[in-house]
Each structure stands twice: as structure tokens, then as C-alpha cells.
Amino acid sequence: MADDTVFVVDDDQDMRQSFKWLIESVGLPVEAFVSAEDFLAAYRDDRPGCLLLDVRMPGMGGLRLLERLRELGLCLPVIVITGHAEVWMAVQAMKSGAFDFLEKPVTHQQMLDRIQDALREDRERRARAVECAAFRQRLALLTQREREVLDRMVRGEPSKAIALEFGLSERTIEKHRENLMHKMEARSLAQLIRGMVEFGREG
């Protein structure tokens, strides 16, 4: 995607330039930052892409930036890079949500492959978020009774049992089912249930 950007945070000017040339060689936009603080001040969550992050930097280090991104609810995939790998460092990075942890030296192809993987994950996450928001918007269109019927449909209750519970006719329940299926733009009950399981937990 043309809008994908690879963000680079590394205090070493030579490394920043090396990463920039490599990434631009495959046609991807790059924005490089000398510090974690500079990146945090500039980044917005509506910008898709991934982050290449050095661990050891003056001021806020890479692991602290990774933790800070999660605290802020920013889900940008992060590839952590270090020339001084230690087991505890890799464990901490992965616990903090890093997409990957790479030890220098890294081959150009390995780096580009992991960048493409990270960009793919970010696109999929953002597409899923859009799908989730659209599902919940449709869910908000249901009347209270339609939502009650839907909740019981998801639990596998047949129309007859739902009708008995609410003191309504089975035909009335079937009408509610028809209306809510239309509002939810569901082609089948299985599709609707799958959407409720994936996106309908809140609300």
C-alpha cells in the first residue's frame, strides 16, 4: 500500500541512513528519527506502517518506547533491533508486544522480509478494526427486542423457545429475526453468529 510508512528510530546517523536507503530501494516511504521522544511527538495512530526500533539510545531507550506505545494504545508493529542481544532483552521486548526481535548483523533480505510481514500484519489489523466498527454500527440499529432475540439466537435457542420466554407468537419472533438479519446485513445465521463472537462482545 502506498500509504504504508516504515518509521526508523535509531540515534546512530549511519544506521538511520543505511536503513533509509535499504527501505527506499524497494519503494517504501521512510521517516527516520534520532530519538524515541522525537518519534512519539510526531507519530499519529492513523498512519499505517511499522517501526524499526533500536534498543540502546540516550534518553528513552527502545524497550521503554515499546512499553510507552502499548500504554498509549498504539498498535504499530515494532521490529526491535540490537547489536547487543541478551535473552532478558528479547523476552522483555516480546512481552511488551514487539512484532520481532533482530540481532545485528541482519541481512538486507531478512530485514526487508520482516518489514513486509510487519506491514501485512498492520494492514490486516486495521482492516479488522474497520470491519469491527461497521459491525457495531449495525448492531446499534437494532431495537431492544431485536437485540434480545439476537442474544438468544447466538446461544442457539430456537424461535419457539424464544417466543415462549417473551410470551410472543413464534411468527413474531421470526419477524424479529428477519428484521435483525436485514439490519445486520447477514447472509446466514452462521455469519451473524461469527460476527457476534468476533466483534459483538462489547455492548
N, C-alpha and C. Protein backbone atom coordinates (compact mmCIF):
# COMPACT_ATOMS: atom_id res chain seq x y z
N MET A 1 0.84 -1.20 0.00
CA MET A 1 0.00 0.00 0.00
C MET A 1 0.87 1.25 0.00
N ALA A 2 0.47 2.24 -0.80
CA ALA A 2 1.26 3.45 -0.92
C ALA A 2 1.33 4.23 0.38
N ASP A 3 0.31 4.08 1.25
CA ASP A 3 0.27 4.85 2.47
C ASP A 3 1.14 4.24 3.57
N ASP A 4 1.60 3.01 3.40
CA ASP A 4 2.45 2.39 4.41
C ASP A 4 3.77 3.15 4.54
N THR A 5 4.16 3.40 5.78
CA THR A 5 5.44 4.07 6.04
C THR A 5 6.25 3.25 7.02
N VAL A 6 7.53 3.14 6.76
CA VAL A 6 8.43 2.48 7.71
C VAL A 6 9.10 3.58 8.53
N PHE A 7 8.83 3.56 9.82
CA PHE A 7 9.43 4.53 10.73
C PHE A 7 10.69 3.91 11.34
N VAL A 8 11.76 4.68 11.38
CA VAL A 8 13.04 4.21 11.92
C VAL A 8 13.43 5.10 13.09
N VAL A 9 13.71 4.48 14.23
CA VAL A 9 14.20 5.23 15.40
C VAL A 9 15.55 4.65 15.81
N ASP A 10 16.60 5.43 15.58
CA ASP A 10 17.97 4.98 15.89
C ASP A 10 18.82 6.23 16.06
N ASP A 11 19.58 6.31 17.14
CA ASP A 11 20.39 7.50 17.39
C ASP A 11 21.66 7.51 16.56
N ASP A 12 22.00 6.39 15.91
CA ASP A 12 23.20 6.31 15.08
C ASP A 12 22.88 6.80 13.67
N GLN A 13 23.48 7.91 13.27
CA GLN A 13 23.17 8.51 11.98
C GLN A 13 23.48 7.56 10.82
N ASP A 14 24.60 6.85 10.89
CA ASP A 14 24.96 5.93 9.81
C ASP A 14 23.93 4.81 9.68
N MET A 15 23.45 4.29 10.81
CA MET A 15 22.46 3.22 10.76
C MET A 15 21.13 3.74 10.22
N ARG A 16 20.74 4.94 10.64
CA ARG A 16 19.49 5.52 10.14
C ARG A 16 19.54 5.65 8.62
N GLN A 17 20.68 6.16 8.13
CA GLN A 17 20.80 6.36 6.69
C GLN A 17 20.85 5.03 5.95
N SER A 18 21.51 4.05 6.54
CA SER A 18 21.60 2.73 5.92
C SER A 18 20.22 2.09 5.81
N PHE A 19 19.44 2.16 6.89
CA PHE A 19 18.08 1.62 6.86
C PHE A 19 17.23 2.37 5.84
N LYS A 20 17.39 3.68 5.80
CA LYS A 20 16.59 4.50 4.90
C LYS A 20 16.86 4.12 3.44
N TRP A 21 18.12 3.99 3.08
CA TRP A 21 18.46 3.62 1.70
C TRP A 21 17.91 2.24 1.36
N LEU A 22 18.06 1.31 2.28
CA LEU A 22 17.59 -0.06 2.04
C LEU A 22 16.09 -0.10 1.81
N ILE A 23 15.35 0.56 2.66
CA ILE A 23 13.88 0.51 2.59
C ILE A 23 13.38 1.26 1.36
N GLU A 24 13.98 2.40 1.08
CA GLU A 24 13.58 3.16 -0.11
C GLU A 24 13.91 2.42 -1.40
N SER A 25 14.88 1.50 -1.34
CA SER A 25 15.26 0.75 -2.54
C SER A 25 14.14 -0.17 -3.03
N VAL A 26 13.18 -0.49 -2.14
CA VAL A 26 12.04 -1.32 -2.55
C VAL A 26 10.75 -0.48 -2.65
N GLY A 27 10.92 0.84 -2.69
CA GLY A 27 9.79 1.73 -2.96
C GLY A 27 8.92 2.07 -1.78
N LEU A 28 9.41 1.85 -0.56
CA LEU A 28 8.61 2.17 0.62
C LEU A 28 9.03 3.51 1.21
N PRO A 29 8.05 4.34 1.62
CA PRO A 29 8.38 5.60 2.29
C PRO A 29 9.03 5.33 3.65
N VAL A 30 9.96 6.19 4.02
CA VAL A 30 10.67 6.05 5.29
C VAL A 30 10.68 7.39 6.00
N GLU A 31 10.48 7.35 7.32
CA GLU A 31 10.68 8.53 8.16
C GLU A 31 11.60 8.12 9.29
N ALA A 32 12.71 8.82 9.44
CA ALA A 32 13.72 8.45 10.43
C ALA A 32 13.77 9.48 11.57
N PHE A 33 13.99 8.96 12.78
CA PHE A 33 14.03 9.81 13.98
C PHE A 33 15.27 9.47 14.79
N VAL A 34 15.85 10.50 15.39
CA VAL A 34 17.07 10.32 16.15
C VAL A 34 16.79 9.85 17.57
N SER A 35 15.55 9.99 18.04
CA SER A 35 15.24 9.61 19.42
C SER A 35 13.81 9.11 19.53
N ALA A 36 13.55 8.36 20.59
CA ALA A 36 12.20 7.88 20.88
C ALA A 36 11.25 9.05 21.13
N GLU A 37 11.78 10.07 21.81
CA GLU A 37 10.95 11.23 22.12
C GLU A 37 10.48 11.94 20.85
N ASP A 38 11.38 12.07 19.88
CA ASP A 38 11.02 12.72 18.62
C ASP A 38 9.94 11.93 17.89
N PHE A 39 10.08 10.61 17.90
CA PHE A 39 9.08 9.77 17.24
C PHE A 39 7.72 9.91 17.90
N LEU A 40 7.67 9.83 19.23
CA LEU A 40 6.40 9.94 19.94
C LEU A 40 5.71 11.28 19.66
N ALA A 41 6.51 12.33 19.54
CA ALA A 41 5.93 13.66 19.30
C ALA A 41 5.34 13.76 17.90
N ALA A 42 5.83 12.97 16.97
CA ALA A 42 5.41 13.10 15.58
C ALA A 42 4.38 12.08 15.14
N TYR A 43 4.35 10.91 15.77
CA TYR A 43 3.53 9.81 15.25
C TYR A 43 2.05 9.95 15.61
N ARG A 44 1.18 9.60 14.64
CA ARG A 44 -0.27 9.53 14.85
C ARG A 44 -0.73 8.12 14.51
N ASP A 45 -1.69 7.61 15.29
CA ASP A 45 -2.12 6.22 15.13
C ASP A 45 -2.85 5.95 13.81
N ASP A 46 -3.28 7.03 13.14
CA ASP A 46 -3.98 6.80 11.87
C ASP A 46 -3.00 6.60 10.71
N ARG A 47 -1.71 6.57 11.01
CA ARG A 47 -0.70 6.37 9.97
C ARG A 47 -0.26 4.91 9.95
N PRO A 48 -0.59 4.17 8.90
CA PRO A 48 -0.23 2.76 8.83
C PRO A 48 1.25 2.57 8.54
N GLY A 49 1.77 1.44 8.96
CA GLY A 49 3.17 1.13 8.69
C GLY A 49 3.74 0.22 9.74
N CYS A 50 5.04 0.36 9.99
CA CYS A 50 5.71 -0.39 11.04
C CYS A 50 6.89 0.43 11.54
N LEU A 51 7.48 -0.02 12.63
CA LEU A 51 8.57 0.73 13.27
C LEU A 51 9.80 -0.16 13.43
N LEU A 52 10.95 0.33 12.95
CA LEU A 52 12.24 -0.29 13.24
C LEU A 52 12.84 0.47 14.41
N LEU A 53 13.12 -0.23 15.49
CA LEU A 53 13.48 0.44 16.74
C LEU A 53 14.77 -0.11 17.32
N ASP A 54 15.75 0.78 17.52
CA ASP A 54 16.99 0.39 18.18
C ASP A 54 16.75 0.33 19.68
N VAL A 55 17.43 -0.60 20.35
CA VAL A 55 17.22 -0.77 21.79
C VAL A 55 17.97 0.27 22.60
N ARG A 56 19.24 0.41 22.33
CA ARG A 56 20.10 1.25 23.18
C ARG A 56 20.23 2.65 22.59
N MET A 57 19.59 3.61 23.27
CA MET A 57 19.63 5.01 22.84
C MET A 57 19.67 5.91 24.06
N PRO A 58 20.25 7.10 23.94
CA PRO A 58 20.20 8.06 25.04
C PRO A 58 18.74 8.45 25.32
N GLY A 59 18.48 8.84 26.55
CA GLY A 59 17.11 9.21 26.90
C GLY A 59 16.24 7.98 26.99
N MET A 60 15.08 8.05 26.37
CA MET A 60 14.16 6.92 26.38
C MET A 60 14.69 5.80 25.49
N GLY A 61 15.00 4.67 26.06
CA GLY A 61 15.50 3.55 25.28
C GLY A 61 14.40 2.86 24.50
N GLY A 62 14.81 1.93 23.65
CA GLY A 62 13.85 1.26 22.79
C GLY A 62 12.81 0.47 23.54
N LEU A 63 13.20 -0.24 24.60
CA LEU A 63 12.24 -1.04 25.35
C LEU A 63 11.22 -0.15 26.06
N ARG A 64 11.68 0.98 26.55
CA ARG A 64 10.74 1.90 27.22
C ARG A 64 9.78 2.51 26.19
N LEU A 65 10.26 2.81 24.99
CA LEU A 65 9.36 3.32 23.95
C LEU A 65 8.33 2.27 23.59
N LEU A 66 8.75 1.02 23.50
CA LEU A 66 7.82 -0.06 23.20
C LEU A 66 6.73 -0.14 24.25
N GLU A 67 7.11 -0.06 25.52
CA GLU A 67 6.13 -0.07 26.60
C GLU A 67 5.21 1.15 26.52
N ARG A 68 5.78 2.30 26.18
CA ARG A 68 5.00 3.54 26.11
C ARG A 68 3.97 3.46 24.99
N LEU A 69 4.34 2.87 23.87
CA LEU A 69 3.39 2.71 22.76
C LEU A 69 2.19 1.88 23.20
N ARG A 70 2.45 0.82 23.94
CA ARG A 70 1.35 -0.03 24.41
C ARG A 70 0.49 0.71 25.44
N GLU A 71 1.13 1.49 26.31
CA GLU A 71 0.38 2.27 27.30
C GLU A 71 -0.57 3.25 26.61
N LEU A 72 -0.13 3.78 25.48
CA LEU A 72 -0.94 4.75 24.74
C LEU A 72 -1.96 4.06 23.82
N GLY A 73 -1.94 2.74 23.77
CA GLY A 73 -2.86 2.01 22.91
C GLY A 73 -2.49 2.06 21.45
N LEU A 74 -1.22 2.32 21.14
CA LEU A 74 -0.76 2.38 19.76
C LEU A 74 -0.26 1.00 19.34
N CYS A 75 -0.85 0.45 18.29
CA CYS A 75 -0.59 -0.95 17.92
C CYS A 75 0.33 -1.11 16.72
N LEU A 76 1.11 -0.12 16.42
CA LEU A 76 2.03 -0.19 15.30
C LEU A 76 2.99 -1.37 15.50
N PRO A 77 3.13 -2.27 14.52
CA PRO A 77 4.07 -3.38 14.68
C PRO A 77 5.50 -2.86 14.81
N VAL A 78 6.23 -3.39 15.79
CA VAL A 78 7.57 -2.90 16.09
C VAL A 78 8.59 -4.03 15.92
N ILE A 79 9.58 -3.77 15.10
CA ILE A 79 10.71 -4.68 14.94
C ILE A 79 11.87 -4.10 15.74
N VAL A 80 12.23 -4.76 16.82
CA VAL A 80 13.30 -4.29 17.69
C VAL A 80 14.64 -4.82 17.17
N ILE A 81 15.62 -3.91 17.08
CA ILE A 81 16.93 -4.26 16.56
C ILE A 81 18.00 -3.91 17.59
N THR A 82 18.95 -4.81 17.77
CA THR A 82 20.03 -4.52 18.71
C THR A 82 21.32 -5.18 18.26
N GLY A 83 22.42 -4.57 18.61
CA GLY A 83 23.73 -5.16 18.37
C GLY A 83 24.28 -5.83 19.60
N HIS A 84 23.51 -5.80 20.69
CA HIS A 84 23.96 -6.35 21.97
C HIS A 84 22.84 -7.19 22.57
N ALA A 85 22.45 -8.23 21.86
CA ALA A 85 21.30 -9.01 22.28
C ALA A 85 21.57 -9.79 23.57
N GLU A 86 20.62 -9.75 24.47
CA GLU A 86 20.63 -10.57 25.67
C GLU A 86 19.26 -11.21 25.79
N VAL A 87 19.20 -12.38 26.40
CA VAL A 87 17.94 -13.12 26.47
C VAL A 87 16.86 -12.30 27.16
N TRP A 88 17.21 -11.66 28.28
CA TRP A 88 16.19 -10.91 29.02
C TRP A 88 15.61 -9.79 28.18
N MET A 89 16.47 -9.21 27.32
CA MET A 89 16.05 -8.10 26.48
C MET A 89 15.03 -8.58 25.44
N ALA A 90 15.30 -9.71 24.83
CA ALA A 90 14.38 -10.27 23.85
C ALA A 90 13.06 -10.64 24.51
N VAL A 91 13.13 -11.24 25.68
CA VAL A 91 11.91 -11.64 26.40
C VAL A 91 11.07 -10.41 26.74
N GLN A 92 11.74 -9.36 27.24
CA GLN A 92 11.02 -8.14 27.61
C GLN A 92 10.37 -7.49 26.39
N ALA A 93 11.09 -7.47 25.28
CA ALA A 93 10.55 -6.88 24.06
C ALA A 93 9.31 -7.62 23.59
N MET A 94 9.35 -8.94 23.59
CA MET A 94 8.21 -9.72 23.13
C MET A 94 7.03 -9.59 24.10
N LYS A 95 7.31 -9.54 25.40
CA LYS A 95 6.25 -9.34 26.38
C LYS A 95 5.57 -7.99 26.20
N SER A 96 6.35 -7.02 25.74
CA SER A 96 5.80 -5.67 25.53
C SER A 96 5.13 -5.53 24.17
N GLY A 97 5.03 -6.62 23.42
CA GLY A 97 4.27 -6.60 22.19
C GLY A 97 5.07 -6.40 20.92
N ALA A 98 6.39 -6.57 20.97
CA ALA A 98 7.20 -6.42 19.76
C ALA A 98 6.78 -7.43 18.71
N PHE A 99 6.80 -7.02 17.47
CA PHE A 99 6.50 -7.93 16.36
C PHE A 99 7.64 -8.91 16.16
N ASP A 100 8.87 -8.43 16.30
CA ASP A 100 10.04 -9.29 16.16
C ASP A 100 11.23 -8.65 16.85
N PHE A 101 12.25 -9.46 17.10
CA PHE A 101 13.47 -9.00 17.77
C PHE A 101 14.64 -9.51 16.95
N LEU A 102 15.41 -8.61 16.36
CA LEU A 102 16.50 -8.99 15.47
C LEU A 102 17.84 -8.51 16.03
N GLU A 103 18.84 -9.38 15.92
CA GLU A 103 20.19 -9.04 16.38
C GLU A 103 21.07 -8.71 15.18
N LYS A 104 21.76 -7.58 15.25
CA LYS A 104 22.71 -7.21 14.21
C LYS A 104 23.90 -8.18 14.24
N PRO A 105 24.50 -8.51 13.10
CA PRO A 105 24.13 -8.01 11.77
C PRO A 105 22.94 -8.77 11.19
N VAL A 106 22.08 -8.02 10.48
CA VAL A 106 20.90 -8.60 9.83
C VAL A 106 21.08 -8.45 8.32
N THR A 107 20.83 -9.49 7.57
CA THR A 107 20.95 -9.38 6.12
C THR A 107 19.87 -8.46 5.59
N HIS A 108 20.15 -7.85 4.45
CA HIS A 108 19.18 -6.95 3.84
C HIS A 108 17.88 -7.69 3.54
N GLN A 109 17.98 -8.91 3.03
CA GLN A 109 16.77 -9.65 2.68
C GLN A 109 15.96 -10.02 3.91
N GLN A 110 16.65 -10.40 4.97
CA GLN A 110 15.95 -10.72 6.21
C GLN A 110 15.20 -9.50 6.74
N MET A 111 15.87 -8.36 6.71
CA MET A 111 15.23 -7.14 7.17
C MET A 111 14.01 -6.78 6.33
N LEU A 112 14.16 -6.84 5.01
CA LEU A 112 13.04 -6.49 4.13
C LEU A 112 11.89 -7.47 4.27
N ASP A 113 12.21 -8.75 4.45
CA ASP A 113 11.14 -9.75 4.63
C ASP A 113 10.34 -9.47 5.89
N ARG A 114 11.03 -9.14 6.98
CA ARG A 114 10.32 -8.89 8.24
C ARG A 114 9.54 -7.59 8.18
N ILE A 115 10.06 -6.60 7.47
CA ILE A 115 9.31 -5.36 7.28
C ILE A 115 8.01 -5.63 6.53
N GLN A 116 8.09 -6.41 5.45
CA GLN A 116 6.89 -6.73 4.69
C GLN A 116 5.90 -7.51 5.54
N ASP A 117 6.38 -8.42 6.37
CA ASP A 117 5.50 -9.17 7.27
C ASP A 117 4.81 -8.24 8.26
N ALA A 118 5.58 -7.29 8.79
CA ALA A 118 5.01 -6.34 9.76
C ALA A 118 3.98 -5.43 9.10
N LEU A 119 4.25 -4.98 7.89
CA LEU A 119 3.29 -4.14 7.17
C LEU A 119 2.02 -4.91 6.88
N ARG A 120 2.17 -6.19 6.53
CA ARG A 120 1.00 -7.02 6.26
C ARG A 120 0.14 -7.17 7.53
N GLU A 121 0.80 -7.38 8.66
CA GLU A 121 0.05 -7.51 9.91
C GLU A 121 -0.69 -6.22 10.24
N ASP A 122 -0.04 -5.09 10.00
CA ASP A 122 -0.69 -3.81 10.30
C ASP A 122 -1.90 -3.58 9.40
N ARG A 123 -1.79 -3.92 8.12
CA ARG A 123 -2.93 -3.77 7.21
C ARG A 123 -4.09 -4.65 7.65
N GLU A 124 -3.79 -5.89 8.03
CA GLU A 124 -4.84 -6.81 8.46
C GLU A 124 -5.51 -6.32 9.74
N ARG A 125 -4.71 -5.80 10.67
CA ARG A 125 -5.28 -5.29 11.92
C ARG A 125 -6.19 -4.10 11.67
N ARG A 126 -5.75 -3.19 10.81
CA ARG A 126 -6.56 -2.01 10.53
C ARG A 126 -7.84 -2.39 9.77
N ALA A 127 -7.75 -3.34 8.85
CA ALA A 127 -8.94 -3.79 8.12
C ALA A 127 -9.93 -4.43 9.09
N ARG A 128 -9.41 -5.21 10.04
CA ARG A 128 -10.27 -5.84 11.04
C ARG A 128 -10.94 -4.79 11.93
N ALA A 129 -10.21 -3.74 12.27
CA ALA A 129 -10.79 -2.68 13.11
C ALA A 129 -11.93 -1.97 12.38
N VAL A 130 -11.77 -1.76 11.06
CA VAL A 130 -12.83 -1.14 10.26
C VAL A 130 -14.05 -2.05 10.23
N GLU A 131 -13.80 -3.34 10.03
CA GLU A 131 -14.89 -4.31 9.98
C GLU A 131 -15.63 -4.38 11.31
N CYS A 132 -14.86 -4.33 12.39
CA CYS A 132 -15.46 -4.37 13.73
C CYS A 132 -16.33 -3.14 13.97
N ALA A 133 -15.83 -1.96 13.60
CA ALA A 133 -16.59 -0.72 13.79
C ALA A 133 -17.88 -0.75 12.99
N ALA A 134 -17.82 -1.25 11.75
CA ALA A 134 -19.01 -1.32 10.92
C ALA A 134 -20.03 -2.29 11.51
N PHE A 135 -19.56 -3.41 12.03
CA PHE A 135 -20.46 -4.39 12.65
C PHE A 135 -21.18 -3.77 13.85
N ARG A 136 -20.43 -3.07 14.66
CA ARG A 136 -21.04 -2.48 15.87
C ARG A 136 -21.99 -1.33 15.53
N GLN A 137 -21.71 -0.64 14.45
CA GLN A 137 -22.66 0.38 13.99
C GLN A 137 -23.98 -0.26 13.59
N ARG A 138 -23.91 -1.39 12.89
CA ARG A 138 -25.14 -2.09 12.52
C ARG A 138 -25.85 -2.64 13.75
N LEU A 139 -25.07 -3.12 14.71
CA LEU A 139 -25.65 -3.66 15.94
C LEU A 139 -26.43 -2.59 16.69
N ALA A 140 -25.96 -1.35 16.63
CA ALA A 140 -26.63 -0.25 17.32
C ALA A 140 -27.97 0.11 16.70
N LEU A 141 -28.23 -0.36 15.49
CA LEU A 141 -29.50 -0.08 14.82
C LEU A 141 -30.63 -0.98 15.32
N LEU A 142 -30.29 -2.05 16.01
CA LEU A 142 -31.32 -2.99 16.47
C LEU A 142 -32.15 -2.39 17.60
N THR A 143 -33.42 -2.74 17.60
CA THR A 143 -34.27 -2.37 18.74
C THR A 143 -33.89 -3.25 19.92
N GLN A 144 -34.37 -2.88 21.10
CA GLN A 144 -34.06 -3.68 22.29
C GLN A 144 -34.56 -5.11 22.13
N ARG A 145 -35.77 -5.28 21.59
CA ARG A 145 -36.32 -6.63 21.41
C ARG A 145 -35.50 -7.42 20.38
N GLU A 146 -35.10 -6.76 19.31
CA GLU A 146 -34.28 -7.45 18.31
C GLU A 146 -32.96 -7.90 18.90
N ARG A 147 -32.38 -7.06 19.77
CA ARG A 147 -31.12 -7.44 20.40
C ARG A 147 -31.33 -8.60 21.35
N GLU A 148 -32.45 -8.61 22.06
CA GLU A 148 -32.74 -9.72 22.96
C GLU A 148 -32.91 -11.03 22.19
N VAL A 149 -33.59 -10.94 21.05
CA VAL A 149 -33.77 -12.12 20.20
C VAL A 149 -32.42 -12.57 19.66
N LEU A 150 -31.59 -11.61 19.25
CA LEU A 150 -30.28 -11.94 18.71
C LEU A 150 -29.43 -12.65 19.76
N ASP A 151 -29.43 -12.16 20.98
CA ASP A 151 -28.63 -12.77 22.03
C ASP A 151 -29.02 -14.23 22.22
N ARG A 152 -30.30 -14.52 22.12
CA ARG A 152 -30.77 -15.89 22.30
C ARG A 152 -30.49 -16.75 21.06
N MET A 153 -30.52 -16.13 19.90
CA MET A 153 -30.13 -16.85 18.69
C MET A 153 -28.68 -17.30 18.78
N VAL A 154 -27.83 -16.41 19.29
CA VAL A 154 -26.41 -16.72 19.42
C VAL A 154 -26.19 -17.88 20.39
N ARG A 155 -27.07 -17.98 21.40
CA ARG A 155 -26.97 -19.08 22.35
C ARG A 155 -27.56 -20.37 21.79
N GLY A 156 -28.11 -20.29 20.59
CA GLY A 156 -28.64 -21.49 19.95
C GLY A 156 -30.08 -21.81 20.27
N GLU A 157 -30.82 -20.86 20.85
CA GLU A 157 -32.22 -21.12 21.20
C GLU A 157 -33.10 -21.02 19.96
N PRO A 158 -34.01 -21.96 19.76
CA PRO A 158 -34.92 -21.91 18.61
C PRO A 158 -36.00 -20.84 18.80
N SER A 159 -36.64 -20.47 17.69
CA SER A 159 -37.67 -19.42 17.74
C SER A 159 -38.80 -19.79 18.70
N LYS A 160 -39.16 -21.04 18.74
CA LYS A 160 -40.27 -21.46 19.61
C LYS A 160 -39.94 -21.19 21.07
N ALA A 161 -38.71 -21.51 21.49
CA ALA A 161 -38.31 -21.30 22.88
C ALA A 161 -38.24 -19.80 23.20
N ILE A 162 -37.75 -19.01 22.25
CA ILE A 162 -37.67 -17.56 22.46
C ILE A 162 -39.07 -16.98 22.58
N ALA A 163 -39.99 -17.46 21.74
CA ALA A 163 -41.38 -16.98 21.78
C ALA A 163 -42.01 -17.28 23.13
N LEU A 164 -41.79 -18.48 23.67
CA LEU A 164 -42.34 -18.84 24.97
C LEU A 164 -41.78 -17.96 26.08
N GLU A 165 -40.49 -17.67 26.00
CA GLU A 165 -39.86 -16.84 27.03
C GLU A 165 -40.45 -15.45 27.07
N PHE A 166 -40.72 -14.86 25.89
CA PHE A 166 -41.22 -13.49 25.83
C PHE A 166 -42.75 -13.40 25.77
N GLY A 167 -43.41 -14.53 25.74
CA GLY A 167 -44.87 -14.53 25.66
C GLY A 167 -45.37 -13.99 24.32
N LEU A 168 -44.64 -14.26 23.24
CA LEU A 168 -45.00 -13.79 21.91
C LEU A 168 -45.24 -14.99 21.00
N SER A 169 -45.82 -14.72 19.85
CA SER A 169 -46.03 -15.79 18.89
C SER A 169 -44.71 -16.12 18.20
N GLU A 170 -44.63 -17.36 17.73
CA GLU A 170 -43.42 -17.77 17.02
C GLU A 170 -43.25 -16.94 15.75
N ARG A 171 -44.39 -16.59 15.13
CA ARG A 171 -44.30 -15.78 13.91
C ARG A 171 -43.70 -14.40 14.22
N THR A 172 -44.05 -13.82 15.37
CA THR A 172 -43.49 -12.52 15.75
C THR A 172 -41.98 -12.62 15.94
N ILE A 173 -41.54 -13.70 16.56
CA ILE A 173 -40.10 -13.90 16.74
C ILE A 173 -39.42 -14.05 15.39
N GLU A 174 -40.04 -14.78 14.49
CA GLU A 174 -39.47 -14.96 13.15
C GLU A 174 -39.36 -13.62 12.43
N LYS A 175 -40.33 -12.73 12.66
CA LYS A 175 -40.28 -11.40 12.06
C LYS A 175 -39.12 -10.60 12.63
N HIS A 176 -38.93 -10.71 13.94
CA HIS A 176 -37.78 -10.04 14.57
C HIS A 176 -36.47 -10.58 13.99
N ARG A 177 -36.40 -11.88 13.80
CA ARG A 177 -35.21 -12.50 13.22
C ARG A 177 -34.96 -11.95 11.82
N GLU A 178 -36.02 -11.88 11.04
CA GLU A 178 -35.90 -11.38 9.67
C GLU A 178 -35.40 -9.94 9.67
N ASN A 179 -35.98 -9.11 10.54
CA ASN A 179 -35.59 -7.69 10.59
C ASN A 179 -34.13 -7.52 11.03
N LEU A 180 -33.74 -8.27 12.05
CA LEU A 180 -32.37 -8.08 12.55
C LEU A 180 -31.34 -8.65 11.58
N MET A 181 -31.68 -9.71 10.87
CA MET A 181 -30.77 -10.23 9.85
C MET A 181 -30.55 -9.20 8.74
N HIS A 182 -31.64 -8.51 8.39
CA HIS A 182 -31.54 -7.47 7.36
C HIS A 182 -30.69 -6.30 7.85
N LYS A 183 -30.95 -5.84 9.07
CA LYS A 183 -30.19 -4.71 9.61
C LYS A 183 -28.70 -5.06 9.77
N MET A 184 -28.43 -6.29 10.11
CA MET A 184 -27.05 -6.70 10.32
C MET A 184 -26.35 -7.09 9.02
N GLU A 185 -27.10 -7.06 7.91
CA GLU A 185 -26.56 -7.40 6.58
C GLU A 185 -25.91 -8.77 6.59
N ALA A 186 -26.56 -9.71 7.28
CA ALA A 186 -26.05 -11.07 7.41
C ALA A 186 -26.71 -11.98 6.38
N ARG A 187 -25.91 -12.71 5.66
CA ARG A 187 -26.45 -13.63 4.65
C ARG A 187 -26.89 -14.95 5.26
N SER A 188 -26.38 -15.25 6.46
CA SER A 188 -26.74 -16.51 7.12
C SER A 188 -26.62 -16.34 8.62
N LEU A 189 -27.26 -17.25 9.33
CA LEU A 189 -27.16 -17.23 10.79
C LEU A 189 -25.72 -17.49 11.23
N ALA A 190 -25.03 -18.38 10.51
CA ALA A 190 -23.63 -18.68 10.86
C ALA A 190 -22.76 -17.43 10.75
N GLN A 191 -22.97 -16.64 9.70
CA GLN A 191 -22.20 -15.41 9.53
C GLN A 191 -22.48 -14.43 10.66
N LEU A 192 -23.75 -14.33 11.06
CA LEU A 192 -24.14 -13.41 12.13
C LEU A 192 -23.52 -13.84 13.46
N ILE A 193 -23.58 -15.14 13.74
CA ILE A 193 -23.01 -15.64 14.98
C ILE A 193 -21.50 -15.41 15.01
N ARG A 194 -20.85 -15.65 13.87
CA ARG A 194 -19.41 -15.43 13.80
C ARG A 194 -19.07 -13.97 14.09
N GLY A 195 -19.87 -13.05 13.54
CA GLY A 195 -19.65 -11.63 13.80
C GLY A 195 -19.84 -11.28 15.26
N MET A 196 -20.87 -11.87 15.89
CA MET A 196 -21.10 -11.60 17.31
C MET A 196 -19.95 -12.12 18.17
N VAL A 197 -19.42 -13.28 17.82
CA VAL A 197 -18.32 -13.86 18.58
C VAL A 197 -17.07 -12.99 18.44
N GLU A 198 -16.81 -12.50 17.20
CA GLU A 198 -15.58 -11.73 16.95
C GLU A 198 -15.68 -10.28 17.36
N PHE A 199 -16.85 -9.66 17.10
CA PHE A 199 -16.95 -8.20 17.25
C PHE A 199 -18.00 -7.73 18.26
N GLY A 200 -18.90 -8.60 18.68
CA GLY A 200 -20.05 -8.14 19.45
C GLY A 200 -19.94 -8.31 20.93
N ARG A 201 -18.72 -8.57 21.44
CA ARG A 201 -18.60 -8.81 22.87
C ARG A 201 -18.95 -7.58 23.70
N GLU A 202 -18.48 -6.42 23.22
CA GLU A 202 -18.80 -5.17 23.95
C GLU A 202 -20.14 -4.66 23.49
N GLY A 203 -20.91 -4.15 24.45
CA GLY A 203 -22.21 -3.61 24.09
C GLY A 203 -23.23 -4.68 23.86
